[in-house]
Amino acid sequence: MQLPGRLQDAVNEYEATLRLNPAHAATHNNLANALVQLPGQLDDAIAPYEAALRLQPAYVEGWCNLGVSRHEQGNLPAAEQALREACACRPTMPLRNEPRPPCCRNPMESEIRPPINSLTKMAT
C-alpha cells in the first residue's frame, strides 16, 4: 500500500499530465486509481474513469475499475453495467468460473468458491 502523501503526489502529477495531454485515457484511469486509494476520494474517481471511457470506449480495464468503484459506492446496478461493458469489449474474456485478470473480477462474485462437497457437509 502506498502512503497517502505519495498518492497525493501521484494525483498531482496525473493532473499536471492531463493538462498537457487531456486525450490520454490511461492517465485518466491512473488518476482515478490513485484517487480511490485516498480517504474520501472514491466519488471523485468516477469522473476520471468516465473520461477515460469517453476517450477509449473499449478500455476494458477502465470499465472494470469503474465497476469496482461503483460497487464500493453501493451502486450495484451501475457496477454490473460497467462490468458487462468490460465483457462486451473483450468477448473472449473468461467465463464466470474461470480465472479473470484482477481488474476484471466481478466484485459481486466470491473469488474463492468452496467445493460442492464442503457445502453439503456444512448443511448437515
N, C-alpha and C. Protein backbone atom coordinates (compact mmCIF):
# COMPACT_ATOMS: atom_id res chain seq x y z
N MET A 1 0.84 -1.18 0.00
CA MET A 1 0.00 0.00 0.00
C MET A 1 0.88 1.25 0.00
N GLN A 2 0.45 2.24 -0.74
CA GLN A 2 1.23 3.47 -0.81
C GLN A 2 0.83 4.42 0.31
N LEU A 3 1.74 5.29 0.67
CA LEU A 3 1.46 6.29 1.69
C LEU A 3 0.56 7.38 1.11
N PRO A 4 -0.40 7.91 1.91
CA PRO A 4 -1.30 8.95 1.39
C PRO A 4 -0.58 10.14 0.77
N GLY A 5 0.53 10.56 1.36
CA GLY A 5 1.28 11.70 0.79
C GLY A 5 1.81 11.40 -0.59
N ARG A 6 2.27 10.19 -0.79
CA ARG A 6 2.78 9.79 -2.11
C ARG A 6 1.63 9.66 -3.11
N LEU A 7 0.48 9.21 -2.63
CA LEU A 7 -0.68 9.13 -3.51
C LEU A 7 -1.11 10.51 -3.96
N GLN A 8 -1.09 11.46 -3.04
CA GLN A 8 -1.46 12.83 -3.41
C GLN A 8 -0.46 13.38 -4.41
N ASP A 9 0.82 13.04 -4.26
CA ASP A 9 1.82 13.45 -5.25
C ASP A 9 1.48 12.84 -6.62
N ALA A 10 1.07 11.59 -6.62
CA ALA A 10 0.70 10.93 -7.88
C ALA A 10 -0.51 11.62 -8.51
N VAL A 11 -1.51 11.93 -7.69
CA VAL A 11 -2.69 12.65 -8.19
C VAL A 11 -2.27 13.96 -8.84
N ASN A 12 -1.40 14.71 -8.15
CA ASN A 12 -0.93 15.99 -8.68
C ASN A 12 -0.21 15.81 -10.02
N GLU A 13 0.62 14.78 -10.12
CA GLU A 13 1.36 14.52 -11.36
C GLU A 13 0.42 14.12 -12.49
N TYR A 14 -0.55 13.26 -12.19
CA TYR A 14 -1.52 12.86 -13.23
C TYR A 14 -2.32 14.07 -13.70
N GLU A 15 -2.74 14.92 -12.78
CA GLU A 15 -3.48 16.12 -13.17
C GLU A 15 -2.64 17.04 -14.04
N ALA A 16 -1.36 17.19 -13.69
CA ALA A 16 -0.46 18.02 -14.50
C ALA A 16 -0.29 17.42 -15.89
N THR A 17 -0.16 16.11 -15.96
CA THR A 17 -0.02 15.44 -17.25
C THR A 17 -1.26 15.63 -18.10
N LEU A 18 -2.42 15.55 -17.46
CA LEU A 18 -3.67 15.71 -18.21
C LEU A 18 -3.87 17.14 -18.71
N ARG A 19 -3.29 18.12 -18.01
CA ARG A 19 -3.36 19.50 -18.52
C ARG A 19 -2.57 19.61 -19.83
N LEU A 20 -1.50 18.82 -19.95
CA LEU A 20 -0.69 18.82 -21.17
C LEU A 20 -1.30 17.96 -22.27
N ASN A 21 -1.92 16.83 -21.87
CA ASN A 21 -2.48 15.90 -22.84
C ASN A 21 -3.78 15.31 -22.29
N PRO A 22 -4.88 16.06 -22.41
CA PRO A 22 -6.16 15.60 -21.85
C PRO A 22 -6.78 14.43 -22.60
N ALA A 23 -6.20 14.05 -23.73
CA ALA A 23 -6.77 12.97 -24.53
C ALA A 23 -6.11 11.62 -24.26
N HIS A 24 -5.45 11.46 -23.13
CA HIS A 24 -4.76 10.21 -22.81
C HIS A 24 -5.60 9.41 -21.81
N ALA A 25 -6.30 8.40 -22.31
CA ALA A 25 -7.24 7.61 -21.49
C ALA A 25 -6.56 6.94 -20.30
N ALA A 26 -5.38 6.38 -20.51
CA ALA A 26 -4.71 5.67 -19.41
C ALA A 26 -4.36 6.60 -18.26
N THR A 27 -4.04 7.85 -18.56
CA THR A 27 -3.72 8.79 -17.49
C THR A 27 -4.97 9.13 -16.68
N HIS A 28 -6.11 9.27 -17.34
CA HIS A 28 -7.37 9.48 -16.61
C HIS A 28 -7.64 8.28 -15.69
N ASN A 29 -7.44 7.09 -16.24
CA ASN A 29 -7.65 5.87 -15.46
C ASN A 29 -6.70 5.80 -14.26
N ASN A 30 -5.44 6.13 -14.49
CA ASN A 30 -4.45 6.10 -13.41
C ASN A 30 -4.76 7.16 -12.34
N LEU A 31 -5.23 8.32 -12.77
CA LEU A 31 -5.63 9.35 -11.81
C LEU A 31 -6.75 8.80 -10.92
N ALA A 32 -7.74 8.21 -11.54
CA ALA A 32 -8.85 7.64 -10.77
C ALA A 32 -8.37 6.54 -9.83
N ASN A 33 -7.45 5.69 -10.31
CA ASN A 33 -6.91 4.62 -9.46
C ASN A 33 -6.21 5.19 -8.23
N ALA A 34 -5.53 6.30 -8.38
CA ALA A 34 -4.88 6.94 -7.24
C ALA A 34 -5.93 7.56 -6.31
N LEU A 35 -6.93 8.19 -6.88
CA LEU A 35 -7.97 8.84 -6.07
C LEU A 35 -8.72 7.84 -5.20
N VAL A 36 -9.03 6.65 -5.75
CA VAL A 36 -9.81 5.69 -4.96
C VAL A 36 -9.04 5.21 -3.73
N GLN A 37 -7.74 5.36 -3.75
CA GLN A 37 -6.93 4.93 -2.60
C GLN A 37 -6.82 5.99 -1.52
N LEU A 38 -7.21 7.21 -1.85
CA LEU A 38 -7.17 8.30 -0.86
C LEU A 38 -8.48 8.32 -0.07
N PRO A 39 -8.41 8.50 1.22
CA PRO A 39 -9.64 8.53 2.02
C PRO A 39 -10.61 9.60 1.53
N GLY A 40 -11.86 9.19 1.35
CA GLY A 40 -12.91 10.14 0.98
C GLY A 40 -12.91 10.58 -0.47
N GLN A 41 -12.11 9.96 -1.32
CA GLN A 41 -12.00 10.40 -2.72
C GLN A 41 -12.66 9.47 -3.72
N LEU A 42 -13.36 8.46 -3.24
CA LEU A 42 -13.98 7.49 -4.14
C LEU A 42 -14.92 8.17 -5.14
N ASP A 43 -15.77 9.05 -4.66
CA ASP A 43 -16.71 9.73 -5.56
C ASP A 43 -15.99 10.57 -6.61
N ASP A 44 -14.85 11.15 -6.23
CA ASP A 44 -14.08 11.98 -7.16
C ASP A 44 -13.39 11.15 -8.25
N ALA A 45 -13.27 9.85 -8.03
CA ALA A 45 -12.60 9.00 -9.00
C ALA A 45 -13.50 8.64 -10.18
N ILE A 46 -14.80 8.76 -10.00
CA ILE A 46 -15.73 8.33 -11.06
C ILE A 46 -15.54 9.16 -12.33
N ALA A 47 -15.43 10.47 -12.21
CA ALA A 47 -15.30 11.34 -13.40
C ALA A 47 -14.06 10.99 -14.23
N PRO A 48 -12.88 10.79 -13.65
CA PRO A 48 -11.75 10.40 -14.49
C PRO A 48 -11.93 9.03 -15.16
N TYR A 49 -12.55 8.08 -14.46
CA TYR A 49 -12.84 6.79 -15.13
C TYR A 49 -13.74 7.03 -16.33
N GLU A 50 -14.79 7.82 -16.14
CA GLU A 50 -15.72 8.08 -17.24
C GLU A 50 -15.05 8.84 -18.38
N ALA A 51 -14.14 9.75 -18.03
CA ALA A 51 -13.40 10.48 -19.07
C ALA A 51 -12.55 9.51 -19.88
N ALA A 52 -11.90 8.58 -19.21
CA ALA A 52 -11.08 7.58 -19.92
C ALA A 52 -11.94 6.77 -20.88
N LEU A 53 -13.15 6.43 -20.43
CA LEU A 53 -14.02 5.60 -21.26
C LEU A 53 -14.65 6.38 -22.42
N ARG A 54 -14.83 7.67 -22.24
CA ARG A 54 -15.29 8.50 -23.39
C ARG A 54 -14.20 8.55 -24.46
N LEU A 55 -12.95 8.62 -24.01
CA LEU A 55 -11.83 8.68 -24.95
C LEU A 55 -11.56 7.34 -25.61
N GLN A 56 -11.75 6.28 -24.84
CA GLN A 56 -11.43 4.94 -25.33
C GLN A 56 -12.54 3.98 -24.87
N PRO A 57 -13.65 3.92 -25.59
CA PRO A 57 -14.82 3.14 -25.16
C PRO A 57 -14.56 1.64 -24.98
N ALA A 58 -13.54 1.11 -25.60
CA ALA A 58 -13.25 -0.31 -25.47
C ALA A 58 -12.14 -0.58 -24.44
N TYR A 59 -11.96 0.33 -23.51
CA TYR A 59 -10.90 0.23 -22.50
C TYR A 59 -11.38 -0.69 -21.37
N VAL A 60 -11.07 -1.97 -21.48
CA VAL A 60 -11.57 -2.99 -20.56
C VAL A 60 -11.19 -2.67 -19.11
N GLU A 61 -9.94 -2.33 -18.88
CA GLU A 61 -9.51 -2.04 -17.51
C GLU A 61 -10.28 -0.86 -16.92
N GLY A 62 -10.56 0.13 -17.76
CA GLY A 62 -11.33 1.28 -17.30
C GLY A 62 -12.74 0.88 -16.88
N TRP A 63 -13.38 0.03 -17.69
CA TRP A 63 -14.72 -0.44 -17.33
C TRP A 63 -14.68 -1.26 -16.04
N CYS A 64 -13.67 -2.12 -15.91
CA CYS A 64 -13.55 -2.92 -14.69
C CYS A 64 -13.34 -2.04 -13.47
N ASN A 65 -12.45 -1.07 -13.59
CA ASN A 65 -12.19 -0.17 -12.46
C ASN A 65 -13.42 0.64 -12.10
N LEU A 66 -14.15 1.11 -13.12
CA LEU A 66 -15.39 1.84 -12.85
C LEU A 66 -16.39 0.92 -12.14
N GLY A 67 -16.49 -0.31 -12.60
CA GLY A 67 -17.40 -1.25 -11.97
C GLY A 67 -17.08 -1.51 -10.51
N VAL A 68 -15.80 -1.69 -10.22
CA VAL A 68 -15.38 -1.92 -8.83
C VAL A 68 -15.68 -0.68 -7.98
N SER A 69 -15.41 0.49 -8.52
CA SER A 69 -15.67 1.72 -7.76
C SER A 69 -17.16 1.93 -7.53
N ARG A 70 -17.96 1.66 -8.55
CA ARG A 70 -19.42 1.78 -8.37
C ARG A 70 -19.91 0.78 -7.32
N HIS A 71 -19.33 -0.40 -7.31
CA HIS A 71 -19.70 -1.40 -6.29
C HIS A 71 -19.34 -0.89 -4.90
N GLU A 72 -18.15 -0.32 -4.77
CA GLU A 72 -17.73 0.21 -3.47
C GLU A 72 -18.62 1.36 -3.01
N GLN A 73 -19.20 2.08 -3.96
CA GLN A 73 -20.15 3.14 -3.63
C GLN A 73 -21.51 2.57 -3.21
N GLY A 74 -21.73 1.31 -3.51
CA GLY A 74 -23.01 0.69 -3.23
C GLY A 74 -23.99 0.79 -4.39
N ASN A 75 -23.52 1.24 -5.54
CA ASN A 75 -24.37 1.37 -6.72
C ASN A 75 -24.22 0.09 -7.56
N LEU A 76 -24.93 -0.94 -7.12
CA LEU A 76 -24.78 -2.25 -7.76
C LEU A 76 -25.26 -2.29 -9.21
N PRO A 77 -26.38 -1.64 -9.56
CA PRO A 77 -26.77 -1.66 -10.98
C PRO A 77 -25.71 -1.03 -11.89
N ALA A 78 -25.12 0.08 -11.47
CA ALA A 78 -24.08 0.73 -12.28
C ALA A 78 -22.82 -0.13 -12.32
N ALA A 79 -22.51 -0.79 -11.21
CA ALA A 79 -21.35 -1.68 -11.17
C ALA A 79 -21.53 -2.83 -12.16
N GLU A 80 -22.70 -3.44 -12.12
CA GLU A 80 -22.98 -4.55 -13.03
C GLU A 80 -22.92 -4.09 -14.48
N GLN A 81 -23.48 -2.92 -14.77
CA GLN A 81 -23.45 -2.41 -16.15
C GLN A 81 -22.02 -2.19 -16.63
N ALA A 82 -21.19 -1.62 -15.77
CA ALA A 82 -19.79 -1.37 -16.16
C ALA A 82 -19.06 -2.69 -16.42
N LEU A 83 -19.31 -3.68 -15.59
CA LEU A 83 -18.65 -4.97 -15.79
C LEU A 83 -19.17 -5.68 -17.04
N ARG A 84 -20.43 -5.48 -17.34
CA ARG A 84 -20.97 -6.02 -18.60
C ARG A 84 -20.31 -5.34 -19.81
N GLU A 85 -20.08 -4.04 -19.69
CA GLU A 85 -19.40 -3.31 -20.77
C GLU A 85 -17.98 -3.87 -20.96
N ALA A 86 -17.31 -4.16 -19.86
CA ALA A 86 -15.96 -4.73 -19.95
C ALA A 86 -16.00 -6.05 -20.71
N CYS A 87 -16.96 -6.89 -20.38
CA CYS A 87 -17.08 -8.19 -21.05
C CYS A 87 -17.44 -8.01 -22.53
N ALA A 88 -18.27 -7.01 -22.82
CA ALA A 88 -18.65 -6.76 -24.21
C ALA A 88 -17.46 -6.28 -25.03
N CYS A 89 -16.55 -5.56 -24.39
CA CYS A 89 -15.36 -5.06 -25.09
C CYS A 89 -14.39 -6.18 -25.42
N ARG A 90 -14.41 -7.22 -24.60
CA ARG A 90 -13.50 -8.34 -24.79
C ARG A 90 -14.31 -9.63 -24.72
N PRO A 91 -14.96 -10.00 -25.83
CA PRO A 91 -15.83 -11.17 -25.81
C PRO A 91 -15.12 -12.46 -25.43
N THR A 92 -13.82 -12.50 -25.58
CA THR A 92 -13.07 -13.70 -25.22
C THR A 92 -12.70 -13.73 -23.75
N MET A 93 -13.21 -12.76 -22.99
CA MET A 93 -12.94 -12.72 -21.56
C MET A 93 -13.41 -14.04 -20.95
N PRO A 94 -12.64 -14.58 -20.01
CA PRO A 94 -13.01 -15.87 -19.42
C PRO A 94 -14.41 -15.85 -18.81
N LEU A 95 -15.02 -17.00 -18.80
CA LEU A 95 -16.35 -17.14 -18.22
C LEU A 95 -16.28 -17.06 -16.70
N ARG A 96 -17.44 -17.02 -16.07
CA ARG A 96 -17.56 -16.78 -14.63
C ARG A 96 -16.68 -17.70 -13.78
N ASN A 97 -16.62 -18.97 -14.09
CA ASN A 97 -15.89 -19.91 -13.24
C ASN A 97 -14.43 -20.06 -13.62
N GLU A 98 -13.99 -19.30 -14.59
CA GLU A 98 -12.59 -19.34 -14.97
C GLU A 98 -11.88 -18.12 -14.38
N PRO A 99 -10.58 -18.24 -14.14
CA PRO A 99 -9.85 -17.08 -13.57
C PRO A 99 -9.89 -15.89 -14.51
N ARG A 100 -10.05 -14.71 -13.93
CA ARG A 100 -10.02 -13.46 -14.70
C ARG A 100 -8.87 -12.61 -14.19
N PRO A 101 -8.43 -11.69 -15.01
CA PRO A 101 -7.42 -10.75 -14.51
C PRO A 101 -8.00 -10.00 -13.32
N PRO A 102 -7.17 -9.60 -12.35
CA PRO A 102 -7.69 -8.93 -11.15
C PRO A 102 -8.58 -7.73 -11.43
N CYS A 103 -8.28 -6.95 -12.45
CA CYS A 103 -9.09 -5.76 -12.70
C CYS A 103 -10.46 -6.11 -13.23
N CYS A 104 -10.63 -7.30 -13.73
CA CYS A 104 -11.89 -7.67 -14.35
C CYS A 104 -12.69 -8.67 -13.54
N ARG A 105 -12.30 -8.87 -12.30
CA ARG A 105 -13.09 -9.75 -11.46
C ARG A 105 -14.31 -9.00 -10.98
N ASN A 106 -15.43 -9.64 -11.06
CA ASN A 106 -16.68 -9.04 -10.62
C ASN A 106 -16.65 -8.96 -9.10
N PRO A 107 -16.73 -7.78 -8.51
CA PRO A 107 -16.65 -7.66 -7.06
C PRO A 107 -17.86 -8.29 -6.36
N MET A 108 -18.89 -8.62 -7.12
CA MET A 108 -20.07 -9.21 -6.53
C MET A 108 -19.98 -10.72 -6.47
N GLU A 109 -18.93 -11.30 -7.06
CA GLU A 109 -18.73 -12.74 -7.01
C GLU A 109 -17.62 -13.05 -6.02
N SER A 110 -17.74 -14.15 -5.35
CA SER A 110 -16.68 -14.59 -4.46
C SER A 110 -15.53 -15.13 -5.30
N GLU A 111 -14.32 -14.77 -4.93
CA GLU A 111 -13.18 -15.29 -5.66
C GLU A 111 -12.90 -16.74 -5.29
N ILE A 112 -13.25 -17.09 -4.08
CA ILE A 112 -12.98 -18.45 -3.62
C ILE A 112 -14.32 -19.14 -3.44
N ARG A 113 -14.53 -20.15 -4.22
CA ARG A 113 -15.76 -20.92 -4.11
C ARG A 113 -15.43 -22.26 -3.48
N PRO A 114 -16.07 -22.60 -2.34
CA PRO A 114 -15.78 -23.89 -1.74
C PRO A 114 -16.28 -25.02 -2.63
N PRO A 115 -15.62 -26.17 -2.58
CA PRO A 115 -16.09 -27.31 -3.38
C PRO A 115 -17.52 -27.68 -2.96
N ILE A 116 -18.25 -28.23 -3.90
CA ILE A 116 -19.64 -28.61 -3.66
C ILE A 116 -19.76 -29.52 -2.44
N ASN A 117 -18.88 -30.51 -2.31
CA ASN A 117 -19.00 -31.45 -1.19
C ASN A 117 -18.81 -30.76 0.15
N SER A 118 -18.04 -29.69 0.23
CA SER A 118 -17.89 -28.99 1.50
C SER A 118 -19.15 -28.23 1.86
N LEU A 119 -19.90 -27.74 0.83
CA LEU A 119 -21.17 -27.08 1.11
C LEU A 119 -22.18 -28.07 1.67
N THR A 120 -22.16 -29.30 1.14
CA THR A 120 -23.09 -30.31 1.64
C THR A 120 -22.77 -30.66 3.08
N LYS A 121 -21.48 -30.74 3.41
CA LYS A 121 -21.08 -31.05 4.78
C LYS A 121 -21.52 -29.96 5.74
N MET A 122 -21.43 -28.68 5.30
CA MET A 122 -21.81 -27.58 6.17
C MET A 122 -23.31 -27.58 6.42
N ALA A 123 -24.09 -28.03 5.45
CA ALA A 123 -25.54 -28.01 5.57
C ALA A 123 -26.05 -29.10 6.51
N THR A 124 -25.26 -30.15 6.72
CA THR A 124 -25.72 -31.24 7.60
C THR A 124 -25.36 -31.03 9.04
